[in-house]
Amino acid sequence: MIKGFKDFVLRGNVVELAVAVVIGAAFGSIVTAFTNGIIQPLINTVTPPSSPGFGVQLVTGKPSTYIDFSAVVTAALNFLIVAAVVYFVIVYPLKTIQERRRRGIETGPADPTDIELLTEIRDLLRERPRS
């Protein structure tokens, strides 16, 4: 059981996925800082000086009833920026590579040979516990 877990964790895809999640979280915080520090104040400039921001106060004197529209707009812009970066940095280049491979311009990874497959099957059968 421990060996299977070790194989799973050390598999390339899992490590790459973990790195992608960490980098994505770091990038997300950069975009959030940008939208909160630059975009949201720009949105709030359209309101009068007496207003706390782009929103509506439902009950006067009760700050917890303030509906902050600028926070919603900022979050939407945050999402759009992250989605655009993911699309243009990851999705679009991969689609281009797949299209080239389909047209035969660029070769993909080679399929394993029969000998490689048989060797892998033999090695897996050797690892199985005997009943």
Protein backbone atom coordinates (compact mmCIF):
# COMPACT_ATOMS: atom_id res chain seq x y z
CA MET A 1 0.00 0.00 0.00
CA ILE A 2 2.81 2.43 0.85
CA LYS A 3 4.65 1.55 -2.37
CA GLY A 4 1.53 2.32 -4.42
CA PHE A 5 1.16 5.69 -2.69
CA LYS A 6 4.84 6.46 -3.30
CA ASP A 7 4.47 5.58 -7.00
CA PHE A 8 1.38 7.78 -7.23
CA VAL A 9 3.03 10.78 -5.57
CA LEU A 10 6.24 10.50 -7.57
CA ARG A 11 4.44 10.15 -10.89
CA GLY A 12 5.26 13.14 -13.09
CA ASN A 13 1.68 14.28 -13.60
CA VAL A 14 0.96 14.64 -9.88
CA VAL A 15 4.08 16.68 -9.24
CA GLU A 16 3.36 18.90 -12.26
CA LEU A 17 -0.23 19.38 -11.09
CA ALA A 18 0.95 20.39 -7.61
CA VAL A 19 3.35 22.92 -9.11
CA ALA A 20 0.58 24.28 -11.33
CA VAL A 21 -1.75 24.73 -8.35
CA VAL A 22 0.91 26.60 -6.37
CA ILE A 23 1.82 28.84 -9.31
CA GLY A 24 -1.89 29.43 -10.03
CA ALA A 25 -2.54 30.48 -6.44
CA ALA A 26 0.44 32.85 -6.50
CA PHE A 27 -0.69 34.33 -9.81
CA GLY A 28 -4.24 34.66 -8.49
CA SER A 29 -3.00 36.69 -5.54
CA ILE A 30 -1.06 38.99 -7.89
CA VAL A 31 -4.17 39.58 -10.02
CA THR A 32 -6.28 40.12 -6.88
CA ALA A 33 -3.80 42.71 -5.60
CA PHE A 34 -3.87 44.44 -9.00
CA THR A 35 -7.66 44.56 -9.19
CA ASN A 36 -8.12 45.57 -5.53
CA GLY A 37 -5.32 48.14 -5.56
CA ILE A 38 -5.80 49.70 -8.99
CA ILE A 39 -9.09 48.70 -10.63
CA GLN A 40 -11.39 49.02 -7.60
CA PRO A 41 -10.19 52.57 -6.72
CA LEU A 42 -10.70 53.58 -10.35
CA ILE A 43 -14.27 52.22 -10.23
CA ASN A 44 -14.88 54.08 -6.95
CA THR A 45 -13.89 57.43 -8.54
CA VAL A 46 -17.31 57.68 -10.20
CA THR A 47 -19.02 58.07 -6.82
CA PRO A 48 -19.39 61.28 -4.81
CA PRO A 49 -16.79 62.02 -2.09
CA SER A 50 -19.29 61.33 0.71
CA SER A 51 -19.89 57.77 -0.53
CA PRO A 52 -17.65 54.93 0.74
CA GLY A 53 -17.46 53.51 -2.79
CA PHE A 54 -19.51 52.30 -5.72
CA GLY A 55 -22.44 50.80 -3.84
CA VAL A 56 -25.60 51.37 -1.86
CA GLN A 57 -26.11 51.80 1.90
CA LEU A 58 -29.41 50.04 2.76
CA VAL A 59 -29.64 51.27 6.37
CA THR A 60 -28.04 54.60 7.25
CA GLY A 61 -25.45 54.32 10.01
CA LYS A 62 -25.18 50.51 9.76
CA PRO A 63 -22.01 49.63 7.78
CA SER A 64 -22.92 45.93 7.54
CA THR A 65 -25.80 46.81 5.17
CA TYR A 66 -23.55 48.36 2.51
CA ILE A 67 -23.79 46.60 -0.87
CA ASP A 68 -20.41 47.05 -2.56
CA PHE A 69 -20.82 46.84 -6.34
CA SER A 70 -17.18 47.69 -6.95
CA ALA A 71 -16.12 44.50 -5.14
CA VAL A 72 -18.31 42.44 -7.49
CA VAL A 73 -16.97 44.20 -10.58
CA THR A 74 -13.41 43.76 -9.28
CA ALA A 75 -13.95 40.04 -8.67
CA ALA A 76 -15.40 39.63 -12.19
CA LEU A 77 -12.39 41.42 -13.70
CA ASN A 78 -10.10 39.28 -11.55
CA PHE A 79 -11.73 36.14 -12.98
CA LEU A 80 -11.55 37.42 -16.56
CA ILE A 81 -7.84 38.28 -16.25
CA VAL A 82 -6.97 34.85 -14.81
CA ALA A 83 -9.13 33.09 -17.42
CA ALA A 84 -7.50 35.06 -20.26
CA VAL A 85 -4.00 34.21 -19.05
CA VAL A 86 -4.86 30.51 -18.69
CA TYR A 87 -6.40 30.47 -22.17
CA PHE A 88 -3.61 32.34 -23.96
CA VAL A 89 -0.70 30.74 -22.07
CA ILE A 90 -1.92 27.14 -21.75
CA VAL A 91 -5.04 26.26 -23.75
CA TYR A 92 -4.34 28.06 -27.03
CA PRO A 93 -0.73 26.82 -27.42
CA LEU A 94 -1.82 23.23 -26.68
CA LYS A 95 -4.64 23.46 -29.22
CA THR A 96 -2.14 24.77 -31.78
CA ILE A 97 0.24 21.87 -31.13
CA GLN A 98 -2.62 19.34 -31.38
CA GLU A 99 -3.76 20.88 -34.67
CA ARG A 100 -0.22 20.68 -36.08
CA ARG A 101 0.06 17.05 -35.03
CA ARG A 102 -3.30 16.25 -36.62
CA ARG A 103 -2.19 17.85 -39.90
CA GLY A 104 1.17 16.04 -39.73
CA ILE A 105 3.29 19.21 -39.46
CA GLU A 106 4.61 18.27 -36.04
CA THR A 107 5.16 14.73 -34.81
CA GLY A 108 3.73 13.65 -31.49
CA PRO A 109 5.23 11.31 -28.97
CA ALA A 110 6.07 7.90 -30.38
CA ASP A 111 3.84 4.96 -29.51
CA PRO A 112 5.55 2.28 -27.43
CA THR A 113 6.83 -0.73 -29.32
CA ASP A 114 5.52 -4.25 -28.75
CA ILE A 115 8.71 -5.16 -26.89
CA GLU A 116 8.38 -2.17 -24.55
CA LEU A 117 4.76 -3.08 -23.79
CA LEU A 118 5.62 -6.73 -23.15
CA THR A 119 8.51 -5.71 -20.90
CA GLU A 120 6.21 -3.44 -18.91
CA ILE A 121 3.60 -6.22 -18.54
CA ARG A 122 6.31 -8.66 -17.42
CA ASP A 123 7.62 -6.20 -14.82
CA LEU A 124 4.11 -5.55 -13.48
CA LEU A 125 3.43 -9.27 -13.21
CA ARG A 126 6.67 -9.78 -11.28
CA GLU A 127 5.64 -7.08 -8.77
CA ARG A 128 2.26 -8.72 -8.03
CA PRO A 129 2.17 -10.78 -4.87
CA ARG A 130 1.70 -14.47 -5.49
CA SER A 131 -1.46 -16.07 -4.08
